Amino acid sequence: MEMLSSAVVRFRWRKHFWKLRASSSEYRMFQETHRSLAGRSPMATGQIAVSPVRVASLLAGVRRSLDEDPNLARHYLEQLSALFGHHVEDEVPEGVLLPERISGAAISSKGGLASWQVRRVTEYIEQHLETALVTENLATVARLSTGHFCRAFKASMGETPHSYIIRQRLRRAQSLMLRSRDSLSQIACACGLTDQAHLTRLFRRIVGTTPMSWRRDWQCAA
């Protein structure tokens, strides 16, 4: 009887243990990462070795800090990127592109957007850059009235939603110009701009040169 009761306790403990493991998002991340890395040589990632435990730890750090400390979350993501060793030829150095956000402007946290609102709105813009982005839709994403959203966005980002969207469209255009052989008219459409003339007009005003000249200069430099 004692042996039977001991077996039941072990069975229940194991069952509870596996339930905990199955419900753990970190553990699922660990399993997926482990499977993706299985059978790969250390050189396949361009690193000495990639530890699934390390990856799971970094992912947990990203999730913990995403709302409270976006800069720390970015640090975790950069470490993940380095671990997996993305191909250099597929990336465009950040210094080549327009800054993602305006610099040198008076940016105030007072009356601005909450961190979750900034994240949702910027993600929405990034995912819909090839479409016509309307301020009313962005305000809905942030769960604010249009007027309140525009004021809060400028307080947090240092520029209006319209100016921010133009900046992101041009950043994508720059990236596509360096990473693809698409024509400027194709790139303009992929960035949500009307045509090549529209792209050229905005590019010259903000970057200071034409897309064709910029593309040629950076391709020659590479």
N, C-alpha and C. Protein backbone atom coordinates (compact mmCIF):
# COMPACT_ATOMS: atom_id res chain seq x y z
N MET A 1 0.83 -1.20 0.00
CA MET A 1 0.00 0.00 0.00
C MET A 1 0.86 1.26 0.00
N GLU A 2 1.95 1.23 0.78
CA GLU A 2 2.85 2.37 0.85
C GLU A 2 3.51 2.63 -0.51
N MET A 3 3.88 1.53 -1.19
CA MET A 3 4.49 1.68 -2.52
C MET A 3 3.50 2.27 -3.51
N LEU A 4 2.23 1.82 -3.40
CA LEU A 4 1.20 2.32 -4.31
C LEU A 4 0.98 3.82 -4.09
N SER A 5 0.87 4.24 -2.80
CA SER A 5 0.66 5.65 -2.50
C SER A 5 1.83 6.50 -2.95
N SER A 6 3.04 5.97 -2.84
CA SER A 6 4.22 6.69 -3.30
C SER A 6 4.19 6.87 -4.81
N ALA A 7 3.74 5.85 -5.52
CA ALA A 7 3.66 5.92 -6.98
C ALA A 7 2.63 6.96 -7.40
N VAL A 8 1.49 7.01 -6.64
CA VAL A 8 0.44 7.98 -6.96
C VAL A 8 0.96 9.40 -6.76
N VAL A 9 1.71 9.62 -5.66
CA VAL A 9 2.27 10.94 -5.40
C VAL A 9 3.23 11.35 -6.50
N ARG A 10 4.09 10.41 -6.92
CA ARG A 10 5.04 10.71 -7.99
C ARG A 10 4.31 11.04 -9.29
N PHE A 11 3.25 10.27 -9.58
CA PHE A 11 2.49 10.49 -10.81
C PHE A 11 1.84 11.88 -10.78
N ARG A 12 1.22 12.22 -9.63
CA ARG A 12 0.55 13.52 -9.53
C ARG A 12 1.56 14.66 -9.62
N TRP A 13 2.70 14.50 -9.00
CA TRP A 13 3.73 15.54 -9.05
C TRP A 13 4.22 15.74 -10.48
N ARG A 14 4.46 14.62 -11.17
CA ARG A 14 4.94 14.72 -12.55
C ARG A 14 3.89 15.36 -13.44
N LYS A 15 2.62 14.95 -13.21
CA LYS A 15 1.54 15.53 -14.01
C LYS A 15 1.47 17.04 -13.80
N HIS A 16 1.54 17.48 -12.52
CA HIS A 16 1.52 18.91 -12.20
C HIS A 16 2.73 19.61 -12.81
N PHE A 17 3.89 18.97 -12.74
CA PHE A 17 5.12 19.54 -13.28
C PHE A 17 5.01 19.78 -14.77
N TRP A 18 4.50 18.77 -15.48
CA TRP A 18 4.39 18.92 -16.93
C TRP A 18 3.32 19.93 -17.31
N LYS A 19 2.28 20.07 -16.51
CA LYS A 19 1.29 21.12 -16.77
C LYS A 19 1.93 22.50 -16.64
N LEU A 20 2.73 22.66 -15.60
CA LEU A 20 3.42 23.94 -15.41
C LEU A 20 4.32 24.23 -16.59
N ARG A 21 5.03 23.20 -17.06
CA ARG A 21 5.95 23.40 -18.17
C ARG A 21 5.18 23.75 -19.43
N ALA A 22 4.06 23.07 -19.65
CA ALA A 22 3.29 23.31 -20.87
C ALA A 22 2.69 24.70 -20.88
N SER A 23 2.40 25.25 -19.67
CA SER A 23 1.79 26.58 -19.62
C SER A 23 2.81 27.69 -19.58
N SER A 24 4.07 27.34 -19.51
CA SER A 24 5.11 28.36 -19.40
C SER A 24 5.51 28.84 -20.78
N SER A 25 5.28 30.15 -21.06
CA SER A 25 5.66 30.68 -22.37
C SER A 25 7.16 30.65 -22.56
N GLU A 26 7.90 30.90 -21.44
CA GLU A 26 9.35 30.86 -21.57
C GLU A 26 9.83 29.48 -21.98
N TYR A 27 9.16 28.43 -21.42
CA TYR A 27 9.59 27.09 -21.76
C TYR A 27 9.26 26.77 -23.22
N ARG A 28 8.10 27.25 -23.68
CA ARG A 28 7.76 27.02 -25.09
C ARG A 28 8.78 27.71 -25.99
N MET A 29 9.17 28.95 -25.61
CA MET A 29 10.20 29.64 -26.38
C MET A 29 11.49 28.82 -26.40
N PHE A 30 11.82 28.26 -25.23
CA PHE A 30 13.03 27.46 -25.12
C PHE A 30 12.96 26.27 -26.08
N GLN A 31 11.80 25.57 -26.07
CA GLN A 31 11.66 24.40 -26.93
C GLN A 31 11.78 24.77 -28.41
N GLU A 32 11.09 25.85 -28.81
CA GLU A 32 11.13 26.25 -30.21
C GLU A 32 12.53 26.62 -30.64
N THR A 33 13.21 27.37 -29.78
CA THR A 33 14.58 27.77 -30.09
C THR A 33 15.49 26.56 -30.17
N HIS A 34 15.31 25.63 -29.22
CA HIS A 34 16.15 24.44 -29.20
C HIS A 34 15.96 23.64 -30.48
N ARG A 35 14.69 23.50 -30.92
CA ARG A 35 14.44 22.75 -32.16
C ARG A 35 15.06 23.44 -33.36
N SER A 36 14.94 24.79 -33.39
CA SER A 36 15.47 25.53 -34.54
C SER A 36 16.98 25.45 -34.62
N LEU A 37 17.63 25.28 -33.46
CA LEU A 37 19.09 25.24 -33.45
C LEU A 37 19.64 23.82 -33.52
N ALA A 38 18.75 22.84 -33.36
CA ALA A 38 19.22 21.45 -33.34
C ALA A 38 19.90 21.09 -34.65
N GLY A 39 21.04 20.48 -34.52
CA GLY A 39 21.76 20.02 -35.71
C GLY A 39 22.56 21.07 -36.41
N ARG A 40 22.50 22.33 -35.92
CA ARG A 40 23.27 23.39 -36.57
C ARG A 40 24.63 23.50 -35.92
N SER A 41 25.64 23.68 -36.74
CA SER A 41 26.98 23.85 -36.20
C SER A 41 27.12 25.25 -35.64
N PRO A 42 28.05 25.46 -34.68
CA PRO A 42 28.24 26.80 -34.13
C PRO A 42 28.52 27.83 -35.20
N MET A 43 29.19 27.44 -36.28
CA MET A 43 29.53 28.40 -37.32
C MET A 43 28.31 28.83 -38.11
N ALA A 44 27.21 28.05 -38.03
CA ALA A 44 26.02 28.38 -38.82
C ALA A 44 25.42 29.70 -38.42
N THR A 45 25.64 30.12 -37.18
CA THR A 45 25.11 31.39 -36.70
C THR A 45 26.15 32.47 -36.68
N GLY A 46 27.37 32.15 -37.02
CA GLY A 46 28.43 33.14 -36.98
C GLY A 46 28.91 33.42 -35.57
N GLN A 47 28.49 32.59 -34.60
CA GLN A 47 28.90 32.76 -33.22
C GLN A 47 29.62 31.50 -32.76
N ILE A 48 30.24 31.57 -31.57
CA ILE A 48 30.90 30.39 -31.03
C ILE A 48 29.85 29.35 -30.67
N ALA A 49 28.77 29.76 -30.04
CA ALA A 49 27.68 28.85 -29.69
C ALA A 49 26.46 29.68 -29.34
N VAL A 50 25.26 29.06 -29.53
CA VAL A 50 24.03 29.73 -29.17
C VAL A 50 23.32 28.87 -28.15
N SER A 51 23.10 29.40 -26.97
CA SER A 51 22.46 28.64 -25.90
C SER A 51 20.96 28.93 -25.88
N PRO A 52 20.13 27.90 -26.02
CA PRO A 52 18.68 28.12 -25.93
C PRO A 52 18.27 28.72 -24.60
N VAL A 53 18.98 28.36 -23.52
CA VAL A 53 18.67 28.93 -22.22
C VAL A 53 18.90 30.44 -22.24
N ARG A 54 20.01 30.85 -22.87
CA ARG A 54 20.32 32.27 -22.99
C ARG A 54 19.24 33.00 -23.80
N VAL A 55 18.80 32.37 -24.89
CA VAL A 55 17.76 32.98 -25.73
C VAL A 55 16.47 33.15 -24.94
N ALA A 56 16.07 32.10 -24.21
CA ALA A 56 14.84 32.17 -23.41
C ALA A 56 14.94 33.27 -22.36
N SER A 57 16.11 33.40 -21.76
CA SER A 57 16.33 34.44 -20.75
C SER A 57 16.19 35.84 -21.36
N LEU A 58 16.77 36.04 -22.54
CA LEU A 58 16.69 37.34 -23.20
C LEU A 58 15.25 37.67 -23.61
N LEU A 59 14.53 36.66 -24.11
CA LEU A 59 13.13 36.88 -24.49
C LEU A 59 12.30 37.27 -23.28
N ALA A 60 12.54 36.61 -22.15
CA ALA A 60 11.82 36.97 -20.92
C ALA A 60 12.16 38.40 -20.50
N GLY A 61 13.42 38.79 -20.66
CA GLY A 61 13.83 40.15 -20.33
C GLY A 61 13.15 41.18 -21.20
N VAL A 62 13.01 40.87 -22.50
CA VAL A 62 12.31 41.78 -23.42
C VAL A 62 10.88 42.00 -22.95
N ARG A 63 10.19 40.90 -22.63
CA ARG A 63 8.79 41.00 -22.25
C ARG A 63 8.61 41.78 -20.95
N ARG A 64 9.52 41.57 -19.99
CA ARG A 64 9.41 42.26 -18.71
C ARG A 64 9.61 43.76 -18.85
N SER A 65 10.52 44.16 -19.73
CA SER A 65 10.92 45.58 -19.79
C SER A 65 10.25 46.37 -20.90
N LEU A 66 9.42 45.73 -21.72
CA LEU A 66 8.88 46.39 -22.90
C LEU A 66 8.09 47.64 -22.56
N ASP A 67 7.27 47.59 -21.52
CA ASP A 67 6.44 48.75 -21.16
C ASP A 67 7.18 49.74 -20.28
N GLU A 68 7.93 49.20 -19.31
CA GLU A 68 8.56 50.07 -18.32
C GLU A 68 9.84 50.72 -18.81
N ASP A 69 10.63 50.00 -19.59
CA ASP A 69 11.94 50.51 -20.01
C ASP A 69 12.23 50.07 -21.44
N PRO A 70 11.69 50.78 -22.45
CA PRO A 70 11.90 50.40 -23.85
C PRO A 70 13.37 50.33 -24.25
N ASN A 71 14.20 51.18 -23.67
CA ASN A 71 15.62 51.15 -24.01
C ASN A 71 16.27 49.84 -23.57
N LEU A 72 15.87 49.35 -22.39
CA LEU A 72 16.38 48.06 -21.92
C LEU A 72 15.87 46.93 -22.81
N ALA A 73 14.60 47.03 -23.24
CA ALA A 73 14.06 46.01 -24.14
C ALA A 73 14.83 46.00 -25.46
N ARG A 74 15.16 47.19 -25.97
CA ARG A 74 15.95 47.28 -27.21
C ARG A 74 17.32 46.63 -27.01
N HIS A 75 17.90 46.82 -25.81
CA HIS A 75 19.21 46.22 -25.51
C HIS A 75 19.12 44.69 -25.56
N TYR A 76 18.03 44.13 -24.97
CA TYR A 76 17.84 42.69 -25.02
C TYR A 76 17.69 42.21 -26.47
N LEU A 77 16.93 42.95 -27.26
CA LEU A 77 16.71 42.56 -28.65
C LEU A 77 18.00 42.61 -29.46
N GLU A 78 18.82 43.60 -29.18
CA GLU A 78 20.11 43.69 -29.88
C GLU A 78 21.00 42.50 -29.54
N GLN A 79 20.93 42.06 -28.28
CA GLN A 79 21.70 40.88 -27.90
C GLN A 79 21.18 39.63 -28.63
N LEU A 80 19.85 39.52 -28.75
CA LEU A 80 19.27 38.39 -29.50
C LEU A 80 19.72 38.42 -30.95
N SER A 81 19.68 39.60 -31.55
CA SER A 81 20.11 39.75 -32.93
C SER A 81 21.56 39.31 -33.10
N ALA A 82 22.40 39.71 -32.16
CA ALA A 82 23.82 39.33 -32.23
C ALA A 82 23.99 37.83 -32.08
N LEU A 83 23.16 37.22 -31.21
CA LEU A 83 23.28 35.77 -31.00
C LEU A 83 23.01 34.99 -32.28
N PHE A 84 22.01 35.42 -33.02
CA PHE A 84 21.63 34.68 -34.22
C PHE A 84 22.42 35.11 -35.45
N GLY A 85 23.23 36.15 -35.29
CA GLY A 85 24.16 36.53 -36.35
C GLY A 85 23.51 36.74 -37.69
N HIS A 86 22.61 37.71 -37.78
CA HIS A 86 21.99 38.04 -39.07
C HIS A 86 23.05 38.34 -40.11
N HIS A 87 22.79 38.00 -41.36
CA HIS A 87 23.73 38.26 -42.43
C HIS A 87 23.91 39.77 -42.61
N VAL A 88 25.13 40.20 -42.63
CA VAL A 88 25.42 41.63 -42.74
C VAL A 88 24.88 42.21 -44.03
N GLU A 89 24.92 41.41 -45.09
CA GLU A 89 24.48 41.96 -46.38
C GLU A 89 22.98 42.21 -46.42
N ASP A 90 22.22 41.60 -45.49
CA ASP A 90 20.78 41.81 -45.46
C ASP A 90 20.38 43.00 -44.60
N GLU A 91 21.35 43.61 -43.94
CA GLU A 91 21.05 44.70 -43.04
C GLU A 91 21.57 46.02 -43.61
N VAL A 92 20.92 47.10 -43.21
CA VAL A 92 21.39 48.44 -43.56
C VAL A 92 21.82 49.10 -42.26
N PRO A 93 23.07 49.55 -42.16
CA PRO A 93 23.53 50.21 -40.93
C PRO A 93 22.62 51.38 -40.58
N GLU A 94 22.27 51.47 -39.30
CA GLU A 94 21.31 52.49 -38.86
C GLU A 94 21.77 53.90 -39.20
N GLY A 95 23.06 54.16 -39.17
CA GLY A 95 23.56 55.49 -39.46
C GLY A 95 23.35 55.94 -40.88
N VAL A 96 23.06 55.00 -41.79
CA VAL A 96 22.85 55.34 -43.20
C VAL A 96 21.45 55.92 -43.40
N LEU A 97 20.49 55.46 -42.61
CA LEU A 97 19.10 55.88 -42.77
C LEU A 97 18.80 57.16 -41.99
N LEU A 98 17.68 57.77 -42.36
CA LEU A 98 17.18 58.88 -41.54
C LEU A 98 16.98 58.38 -40.11
N PRO A 99 17.18 59.23 -39.11
CA PRO A 99 16.91 58.80 -37.73
C PRO A 99 15.44 58.34 -37.61
N GLU A 100 15.25 57.29 -36.84
CA GLU A 100 13.89 56.77 -36.67
C GLU A 100 12.98 57.80 -36.01
N ARG A 101 13.56 58.57 -35.08
CA ARG A 101 12.80 59.62 -34.40
C ARG A 101 13.58 60.92 -34.48
N ILE A 102 12.86 62.01 -34.41
CA ILE A 102 13.48 63.32 -34.52
C ILE A 102 14.42 63.56 -33.34
N SER A 103 15.53 64.21 -33.60
CA SER A 103 16.49 64.50 -32.53
C SER A 103 16.65 66.01 -32.38
N GLY A 104 17.01 66.45 -31.19
CA GLY A 104 17.25 67.87 -30.95
C GLY A 104 16.00 68.67 -30.70
N ALA A 105 14.84 68.00 -30.63
CA ALA A 105 13.59 68.73 -30.38
C ALA A 105 13.22 68.61 -28.91
N ALA A 106 12.39 69.53 -28.46
CA ALA A 106 11.94 69.48 -27.07
C ALA A 106 10.84 68.42 -26.95
N ILE A 107 11.19 67.29 -26.34
CA ILE A 107 10.25 66.20 -26.19
C ILE A 107 9.87 66.11 -24.72
N SER A 108 8.57 66.15 -24.45
CA SER A 108 8.10 66.17 -23.07
C SER A 108 7.27 64.93 -22.77
N SER A 109 7.47 64.40 -21.56
CA SER A 109 6.66 63.26 -21.13
C SER A 109 5.32 63.73 -20.59
N LYS A 110 5.25 65.01 -20.22
CA LYS A 110 4.01 65.56 -19.68
C LYS A 110 2.98 65.73 -20.79
N GLY A 111 1.83 65.11 -20.59
CA GLY A 111 0.78 65.20 -21.59
C GLY A 111 1.01 64.33 -22.81
N GLY A 112 2.04 63.47 -22.76
CA GLY A 112 2.36 62.60 -23.89
C GLY A 112 1.63 61.28 -23.83
N LEU A 113 2.00 60.40 -24.75
CA LEU A 113 1.41 59.07 -24.80
C LEU A 113 2.06 58.15 -23.77
N ALA A 114 1.30 57.17 -23.32
CA ALA A 114 1.86 56.12 -22.46
C ALA A 114 2.75 55.23 -23.32
N SER A 115 3.64 54.49 -22.67
CA SER A 115 4.58 53.65 -23.42
C SER A 115 3.84 52.62 -24.28
N TRP A 116 2.73 52.06 -23.76
CA TRP A 116 1.99 51.07 -24.55
C TRP A 116 1.34 51.71 -25.77
N GLN A 117 0.95 52.98 -25.64
CA GLN A 117 0.35 53.68 -26.78
C GLN A 117 1.40 53.97 -27.85
N VAL A 118 2.58 54.41 -27.42
CA VAL A 118 3.67 54.65 -28.37
C VAL A 118 3.98 53.36 -29.12
N ARG A 119 4.08 52.27 -28.38
CA ARG A 119 4.43 51.00 -29.01
C ARG A 119 3.36 50.55 -30.02
N ARG A 120 2.11 50.61 -29.61
CA ARG A 120 1.04 50.16 -30.51
C ARG A 120 0.93 51.02 -31.76
N VAL A 121 1.03 52.33 -31.57
CA VAL A 121 0.89 53.24 -32.71
C VAL A 121 2.06 53.08 -33.68
N THR A 122 3.29 53.04 -33.15
CA THR A 122 4.46 52.91 -34.04
C THR A 122 4.47 51.56 -34.75
N GLU A 123 4.04 50.52 -34.05
CA GLU A 123 3.94 49.20 -34.69
C GLU A 123 2.87 49.21 -35.79
N TYR A 124 1.74 49.86 -35.51
CA TYR A 124 0.67 49.94 -36.50
C TYR A 124 1.16 50.69 -37.74
N ILE A 125 1.87 51.78 -37.54
CA ILE A 125 2.40 52.55 -38.67
C ILE A 125 3.36 51.70 -39.48
N GLU A 126 4.26 51.00 -38.81
CA GLU A 126 5.24 50.16 -39.49
C GLU A 126 4.57 49.07 -40.32
N GLN A 127 3.51 48.50 -39.78
CA GLN A 127 2.82 47.40 -40.46
C GLN A 127 1.93 47.87 -41.59
N HIS A 128 1.62 49.17 -41.64
CA HIS A 128 0.70 49.68 -42.67
C HIS A 128 1.32 50.80 -43.50
N LEU A 129 2.65 50.85 -43.57
CA LEU A 129 3.31 51.94 -44.29
C LEU A 129 2.95 51.99 -45.77
N GLU A 130 2.62 50.86 -46.36
CA GLU A 130 2.32 50.85 -47.79
C GLU A 130 0.90 51.33 -48.08
N THR A 131 0.15 51.66 -47.04
CA THR A 131 -1.23 52.11 -47.22
C THR A 131 -1.36 53.59 -46.84
N ALA A 132 -2.54 54.13 -47.08
CA ALA A 132 -2.82 55.50 -46.66
C ALA A 132 -3.14 55.49 -45.17
N LEU A 133 -2.30 56.12 -44.38
CA LEU A 133 -2.48 56.13 -42.93
C LEU A 133 -3.25 57.40 -42.51
N VAL A 134 -4.34 57.20 -41.82
CA VAL A 134 -5.21 58.30 -41.42
C VAL A 134 -5.07 58.54 -39.92
N THR A 135 -4.96 59.80 -39.54
CA THR A 135 -4.77 60.14 -38.12
C THR A 135 -5.88 59.59 -37.25
N GLU A 136 -7.10 59.60 -37.74
CA GLU A 136 -8.23 59.08 -36.96
C GLU A 136 -8.02 57.61 -36.59
N ASN A 137 -7.45 56.83 -37.52
CA ASN A 137 -7.20 55.41 -37.23
C ASN A 137 -6.11 55.25 -36.18
N LEU A 138 -5.09 56.09 -36.25
CA LEU A 138 -4.01 56.03 -35.26
C LEU A 138 -4.55 56.39 -33.87
N ALA A 139 -5.44 57.39 -33.83
CA ALA A 139 -6.05 57.78 -32.56
C ALA A 139 -6.86 56.62 -31.98
N THR A 140 -7.54 55.89 -32.84
CA THR A 140 -8.32 54.72 -32.39
C THR A 140 -7.39 53.66 -31.80
N VAL A 141 -6.25 53.44 -32.44
CA VAL A 141 -5.28 52.47 -31.92
C VAL A 141 -4.82 52.88 -30.52
N ALA A 142 -4.64 54.19 -30.31
CA ALA A 142 -4.20 54.70 -29.01
C ALA A 142 -5.36 54.89 -28.03
N ARG A 143 -6.59 54.68 -28.51
CA ARG A 143 -7.79 54.83 -27.68
C ARG A 143 -7.95 56.26 -27.17
N LEU A 144 -7.72 57.21 -28.09
CA LEU A 144 -7.86 58.63 -27.74
C LEU A 144 -8.68 59.32 -28.82
N SER A 145 -9.17 60.51 -28.49
CA SER A 145 -9.81 61.33 -29.52
C SER A 145 -8.71 61.83 -30.46
N THR A 146 -9.08 62.23 -31.66
CA THR A 146 -8.08 62.65 -32.65
C THR A 146 -7.27 63.85 -32.16
N GLY A 147 -7.95 64.85 -31.61
CA GLY A 147 -7.25 66.04 -31.15
C GLY A 147 -6.28 65.74 -30.01
N HIS A 148 -6.76 64.97 -29.04
CA HIS A 148 -5.92 64.60 -27.90
C HIS A 148 -4.73 63.77 -28.37
N PHE A 149 -4.99 62.85 -29.29
CA PHE A 149 -3.90 62.00 -29.80
C PHE A 149 -2.82 62.83 -30.48
N CYS A 150 -3.20 63.77 -31.32
CA CYS A 150 -2.21 64.59 -32.04
C CYS A 150 -1.33 65.38 -31.08
N ARG A 151 -1.94 65.95 -30.05
CA ARG A 151 -1.17 66.71 -29.06
C ARG A 151 -0.24 65.80 -28.27
N ALA A 152 -0.76 64.65 -27.84
CA ALA A 152 0.04 63.72 -27.05
C ALA A 152 1.17 63.12 -27.87
N PHE A 153 0.89 62.82 -29.14
CA PHE A 153 1.92 62.24 -30.01
C PHE A 153 3.08 63.21 -30.19
N LYS A 154 2.76 64.48 -30.44
CA LYS A 154 3.83 65.47 -30.63
C LYS A 154 4.63 65.66 -29.35
N ALA A 155 3.96 65.62 -28.21
CA ALA A 155 4.67 65.76 -26.93
C ALA A 155 5.64 64.62 -26.70
N SER A 156 5.24 63.41 -27.11
CA SER A 156 6.08 62.23 -26.90
C SER A 156 7.16 62.05 -27.96
N MET A 157 6.84 62.38 -29.21
CA MET A 157 7.73 62.05 -30.33
C MET A 157 8.48 63.26 -30.89
N GLY A 158 8.05 64.47 -30.53
CA GLY A 158 8.74 65.66 -31.00
C GLY A 158 8.31 66.13 -32.38
N GLU A 159 7.35 65.46 -32.98
CA GLU A 159 6.84 65.86 -34.30
C GLU A 159 5.41 65.36 -34.45
N THR A 160 4.71 65.88 -35.44
CA THR A 160 3.32 65.49 -35.65
C THR A 160 3.24 64.07 -36.20
N PRO A 161 2.08 63.40 -36.08
CA PRO A 161 1.93 62.07 -36.67
C PRO A 161 2.25 62.06 -38.17
N HIS A 162 1.82 63.11 -38.89
CA HIS A 162 2.07 63.17 -40.33
C HIS A 162 3.58 63.20 -40.62
N SER A 163 4.32 64.04 -39.89
CA SER A 163 5.76 64.13 -40.10
C SER A 163 6.46 62.82 -39.76
N TYR A 164 5.99 62.17 -38.69
CA TYR A 164 6.59 60.89 -38.29
C TYR A 164 6.36 59.84 -39.37
N ILE A 165 5.15 59.81 -39.93
CA ILE A 165 4.84 58.83 -40.98
C ILE A 165 5.71 59.06 -42.21
N ILE A 166 5.87 60.31 -42.62
CA ILE A 166 6.74 60.62 -43.75
C ILE A 166 8.16 60.14 -43.48
N ARG A 167 8.64 60.37 -42.27
CA ARG A 167 9.99 59.91 -41.89
C ARG A 167 10.12 58.40 -42.06
N GLN A 168 9.10 57.65 -41.58
CA GLN A 168 9.16 56.19 -41.68
C GLN A 168 9.05 55.72 -43.13
N ARG A 169 8.27 56.41 -43.94
CA ARG A 169 8.17 56.05 -45.36
C ARG A 169 9.52 56.23 -46.04
N LEU A 170 10.20 57.33 -45.73
CA LEU A 170 11.51 57.59 -46.36
C LEU A 170 12.57 56.62 -45.84
N ARG A 171 12.50 56.25 -44.57
CA ARG A 171 13.43 55.25 -44.04
C ARG A 171 13.26 53.93 -44.76
N ARG A 172 12.00 53.54 -44.98
CA ARG A 172 11.77 52.28 -45.71
C ARG A 172 12.26 52.40 -47.14
N ALA A 173 12.03 53.54 -47.76
CA ALA A 173 12.50 53.75 -49.13
C ALA A 173 14.02 53.62 -49.19
N GLN A 174 14.72 54.23 -48.23
CA GLN A 174 16.18 54.13 -48.19
C GLN A 174 16.62 52.68 -48.05
N SER A 175 15.97 51.96 -47.16
CA SER A 175 16.32 50.56 -46.95
C SER A 175 16.11 49.73 -48.22
N LEU A 176 14.97 49.95 -48.88
CA LEU A 176 14.67 49.20 -50.12
C LEU A 176 15.63 49.58 -51.25
N MET A 177 16.04 50.85 -51.30
CA MET A 177 16.96 51.27 -52.34
C MET A 177 18.31 50.55 -52.22
N LEU A 178 18.71 50.26 -50.98
CA LEU A 178 20.00 49.60 -50.78
C LEU A 178 19.89 48.09 -50.81
N ARG A 179 18.74 47.54 -50.44
CA ARG A 179 18.62 46.09 -50.34
C ARG A 179 17.97 45.43 -51.54
N SER A 180 17.45 46.21 -52.47
CA SER A 180 16.78 45.62 -53.62
C SER A 180 17.16 46.34 -54.91
N ARG A 181 16.76 45.75 -56.02
CA ARG A 181 16.98 46.37 -57.32
C ARG A 181 15.68 46.94 -57.88
N ASP A 182 14.69 47.09 -57.03
CA ASP A 182 13.40 47.63 -57.47
C ASP A 182 13.57 49.05 -57.99
N SER A 183 12.73 49.41 -58.94
CA SER A 183 12.76 50.77 -59.47
C SER A 183 12.24 51.73 -58.41
N LEU A 184 12.53 53.01 -58.58
CA LEU A 184 12.07 54.01 -57.62
C LEU A 184 10.55 54.10 -57.58
N SER A 185 9.91 53.87 -58.72
CA SER A 185 8.44 53.91 -58.73
C SER A 185 7.87 52.74 -57.92
N GLN A 186 8.50 51.55 -58.03
CA GLN A 186 8.06 50.41 -57.24
C GLN A 186 8.28 50.65 -55.75
N ILE A 187 9.42 51.23 -55.43
CA ILE A 187 9.74 51.53 -54.03
C ILE A 187 8.77 52.56 -53.46
N ALA A 188 8.44 53.56 -54.27
CA ALA A 188 7.49 54.58 -53.82
C ALA A 188 6.16 53.94 -53.43
N CYS A 189 5.67 53.03 -54.27
CA CYS A 189 4.40 52.35 -54.00
C CYS A 189 4.50 51.48 -52.74
N ALA A 190 5.65 50.81 -52.56
CA ALA A 190 5.85 49.94 -51.40
C ALA A 190 5.90 50.74 -50.11
N CYS A 191 6.16 52.03 -50.22
CA CYS A 191 6.24 52.89 -49.03
C CYS A 191 4.99 53.73 -48.83
N GLY A 192 3.97 53.49 -49.63
CA GLY A 192 2.71 54.21 -49.47
C GLY A 192 2.68 55.58 -50.10
N LEU A 193 3.63 55.85 -51.02
CA LEU A 193 3.67 57.14 -51.70
C LEU A 193 3.01 57.01 -53.07
N THR A 194 2.57 58.13 -53.60
CA THR A 194 1.78 58.10 -54.83
C THR A 194 2.57 57.59 -56.02
N ASP A 195 3.74 58.13 -56.23
CA ASP A 195 4.56 57.75 -57.38
C ASP A 195 6.01 58.19 -57.14
N GLN A 196 6.85 57.99 -58.15
CA GLN A 196 8.26 58.35 -58.01
C GLN A 196 8.44 59.85 -57.77
N ALA A 197 7.62 60.66 -58.43
CA ALA A 197 7.73 62.11 -58.25
C ALA A 197 7.44 62.51 -56.81
N HIS A 198 6.45 61.85 -56.20
CA HIS A 198 6.11 62.12 -54.81
C HIS A 198 7.28 61.75 -53.90
N LEU A 199 7.87 60.59 -54.15
CA LEU A 199 9.04 60.16 -53.38
C LEU A 199 10.19 61.15 -53.54
N THR A 200 10.46 61.56 -54.77
CA THR A 200 11.57 62.49 -55.04
C THR A 200 11.37 63.82 -54.33
N ARG A 201 10.15 64.32 -54.37
CA ARG A 201 9.84 65.60 -53.76
C ARG A 201 10.09 65.57 -52.25
N LEU A 202 9.58 64.55 -51.58
CA LEU A 202 9.76 64.43 -50.13
C LEU A 202 11.22 64.16 -49.78
N PHE A 203 11.85 63.30 -50.56
CA PHE A 203 13.23 62.91 -50.29
C PHE A 203 14.16 64.12 -50.40
N ARG A 204 13.98 64.91 -51.44
CA ARG A 204 14.84 66.08 -51.62
C ARG A 204 14.63 67.09 -50.48
N ARG A 205 13.38 67.25 -50.05
CA ARG A 205 13.08 68.23 -48.99
C ARG A 205 13.67 67.80 -47.65
N ILE A 206 13.62 66.51 -47.34
CA ILE A 206 14.03 66.05 -46.01
C ILE A 206 15.47 65.54 -45.97
N VAL A 207 15.89 64.82 -46.99
CA VAL A 207 17.24 64.25 -47.01
C VAL A 207 18.24 65.23 -47.63
N GLY A 208 17.75 66.06 -48.57
CA GLY A 208 18.62 67.06 -49.16
C GLY A 208 19.18 66.70 -50.51
N THR A 209 18.78 65.55 -51.04
CA THR A 209 19.22 65.13 -52.37
C THR A 209 18.13 64.27 -52.99
N THR A 210 18.31 63.87 -54.23
CA THR A 210 17.29 63.03 -54.87
C THR A 210 17.52 61.57 -54.51
N PRO A 211 16.46 60.74 -54.56
CA PRO A 211 16.62 59.31 -54.28
C PRO A 211 17.65 58.66 -55.20
N MET A 212 17.65 59.04 -56.48
CA MET A 212 18.58 58.42 -57.43
C MET A 212 20.03 58.72 -57.06
N SER A 213 20.31 59.97 -56.71
CA SER A 213 21.67 60.34 -56.33
C SER A 213 22.07 59.66 -55.03
N TRP A 214 21.17 59.64 -54.07
CA TRP A 214 21.46 59.02 -52.78
C TRP A 214 21.75 57.53 -52.96
N ARG A 215 20.93 56.89 -53.76
CA ARG A 215 21.13 55.45 -53.98
C ARG A 215 22.46 55.17 -54.66
N ARG A 216 22.78 55.95 -55.67
CA ARG A 216 24.02 55.76 -56.39
C ARG A 216 25.23 55.99 -55.47
N ASP A 217 25.17 57.03 -54.67
CA ASP A 217 26.30 57.37 -53.79
C ASP A 217 26.56 56.27 -52.77
N TRP A 218 25.48 55.75 -52.14
CA TRP A 218 25.66 54.74 -51.11
C TRP A 218 26.02 53.38 -51.70
N GLN A 219 25.50 53.07 -52.88
CA GLN A 219 25.88 51.81 -53.51
C GLN A 219 27.33 51.82 -53.90
N CYS A 220 27.82 52.97 -54.37
CA CYS A 220 29.24 53.09 -54.72
C CYS A 220 30.11 52.98 -53.47
N ALA A 221 29.63 53.56 -52.37
CA ALA A 221 30.39 53.51 -51.12
C ALA A 221 30.47 52.09 -50.58
N ALA A 222 29.41 51.31 -50.83
CA ALA A 222 29.41 49.92 -50.36
C ALA A 222 30.35 49.06 -51.18
